[in-house]
């Protein structure tokens, strides 16, 4: 069993206030949760209206499956078009 943890740093271009930001982040998180077998939440920059950090966790049988999910999440966030990924950190733990 392998557990993968990733943090995506996002730059949001559209929101003009925190309420709009929360709606955009909620949409991104919901879309990723629907499409991928993950747990996800906003984990940083809650008080900034043009930045966000999203944390993602996934469990799989091998590291390549985890990396594949992270890559597909990154593609999905870019495809949605509401945010740009400016940084990504990930860690894989083997059990």
Protein backbone atom coordinates (compact mmCIF):
# COMPACT_ATOMS: atom_id res chain seq x y z
CA UNK A 1 0.00 0.00 0.00
CA UNK A 2 1.19 3.49 -0.90
CA UNK A 3 -0.15 6.80 0.37
CA UNK A 4 0.46 9.94 -1.65
CA UNK A 5 0.16 13.47 -0.34
CA UNK A 6 0.33 16.54 -2.56
CA UNK A 7 0.00 20.27 -2.11
CA UNK A 8 -0.95 22.45 -5.05
CA UNK A 9 -0.36 26.19 -4.84
CA UNK A 10 -2.89 28.03 -6.99
CA UNK A 11 -3.14 31.54 -8.36
CA UNK A 12 -6.77 32.55 -8.92
CA UNK A 13 -7.38 35.26 -11.51
CA UNK A 14 -11.15 35.89 -11.33
CA UNK A 15 -12.16 36.52 -7.69
CA UNK A 16 -12.64 40.05 -6.43
CA UNK A 17 -13.25 39.03 -2.82
CA UNK A 18 -13.04 36.06 -0.44
CA UNK A 19 -16.62 34.97 -1.12
CA UNK A 20 -15.91 34.57 -4.84
CA UNK A 21 -12.65 32.80 -4.02
CA UNK A 22 -14.43 30.26 -1.82
CA UNK A 23 -16.85 29.49 -4.65
CA UNK A 24 -14.01 28.91 -7.12
CA UNK A 25 -12.04 26.72 -4.70
CA UNK A 26 -15.19 24.76 -3.85
CA UNK A 27 -15.80 24.14 -7.56
CA UNK A 28 -12.22 22.97 -8.16
CA UNK A 29 -12.28 20.66 -5.12
CA UNK A 30 -15.69 19.24 -6.01
CA UNK A 31 -14.67 18.51 -9.58
CA UNK A 32 -11.48 16.76 -8.47
CA UNK A 33 -13.32 14.71 -5.84
CA UNK A 34 -15.88 13.61 -8.44
CA UNK A 35 -13.30 12.50 -10.98
CA UNK A 36 -10.58 10.98 -8.80
CA UNK A 37 -10.44 8.66 -5.73
CA UNK A 38 -9.00 11.34 -3.42
CA UNK A 39 -9.53 13.33 -0.27
CA UNK A 40 -8.95 17.04 -0.79
CA UNK A 41 -9.26 20.33 1.08
CA UNK A 42 -8.06 23.90 1.03
CA UNK A 43 -5.09 23.88 3.41
CA UNK A 44 -3.55 27.33 3.12
CA UNK A 45 -3.96 30.97 2.11
CA UNK A 46 -7.56 31.09 3.31
CA UNK A 47 -7.28 34.83 3.95
CA UNK A 48 -5.88 35.74 0.49
CA UNK A 49 -8.44 36.13 -2.29
CA UNK A 50 -6.13 35.44 -5.25
CA UNK A 51 -4.12 32.51 -3.82
CA UNK A 52 -4.99 29.09 -2.50
CA UNK A 53 -3.29 25.90 -1.36
CA UNK A 54 -5.06 22.62 -1.95
CA UNK A 55 -4.01 19.45 -0.16
CA UNK A 56 -4.73 16.06 -1.73
CA UNK A 57 -4.32 12.53 -0.37
CA UNK A 58 -4.66 9.28 -2.30
CA UNK A 59 -4.14 5.60 -1.47
CA UNK A 60 -3.01 3.15 -4.16
CA UNK A 61 -1.11 -0.07 -4.67
CA UNK A 62 2.04 1.49 -6.12
CA UNK A 63 3.80 4.83 -6.47
CA UNK A 64 3.24 5.10 -10.22
CA UNK A 65 -0.54 5.00 -9.68
CA UNK A 66 -0.28 7.81 -7.13
CA UNK A 67 1.85 9.95 -9.46
CA UNK A 68 -0.60 9.29 -12.28
CA UNK A 69 -3.49 10.56 -10.15
CA UNK A 70 -1.52 13.68 -9.16
CA UNK A 71 -0.68 14.41 -12.80
CA UNK A 72 -4.30 13.98 -13.85
CA UNK A 73 -5.43 16.29 -11.02
CA UNK A 74 -2.96 18.91 -12.19
CA UNK A 75 -4.31 18.61 -15.75
CA UNK A 76 -7.90 18.86 -14.51
CA UNK A 77 -7.21 22.02 -12.50
CA UNK A 78 -5.62 23.62 -15.56
CA UNK A 79 -8.48 22.41 -17.79
CA UNK A 80 -11.12 24.00 -15.52
CA UNK A 81 -9.44 27.32 -16.26
CA UNK A 82 -10.23 29.07 -12.97
CA UNK A 83 -6.75 28.78 -11.50
CA UNK A 84 -3.13 28.39 -12.48
CA UNK A 85 -0.84 26.02 -10.60
CA UNK A 86 2.31 27.86 -9.57
CA UNK A 87 3.82 25.14 -7.34
CA UNK A 88 3.33 21.46 -6.52
CA UNK A 89 4.91 19.40 -3.77
CA UNK A 90 4.25 15.73 -3.28
CA UNK A 91 5.36 12.93 -1.00
CA UNK A 92 4.80 9.20 -1.26
CA UNK A 93 4.85 6.94 1.80
CA UNK A 94 5.19 3.16 1.40
CA UNK A 95 3.59 0.82 3.95
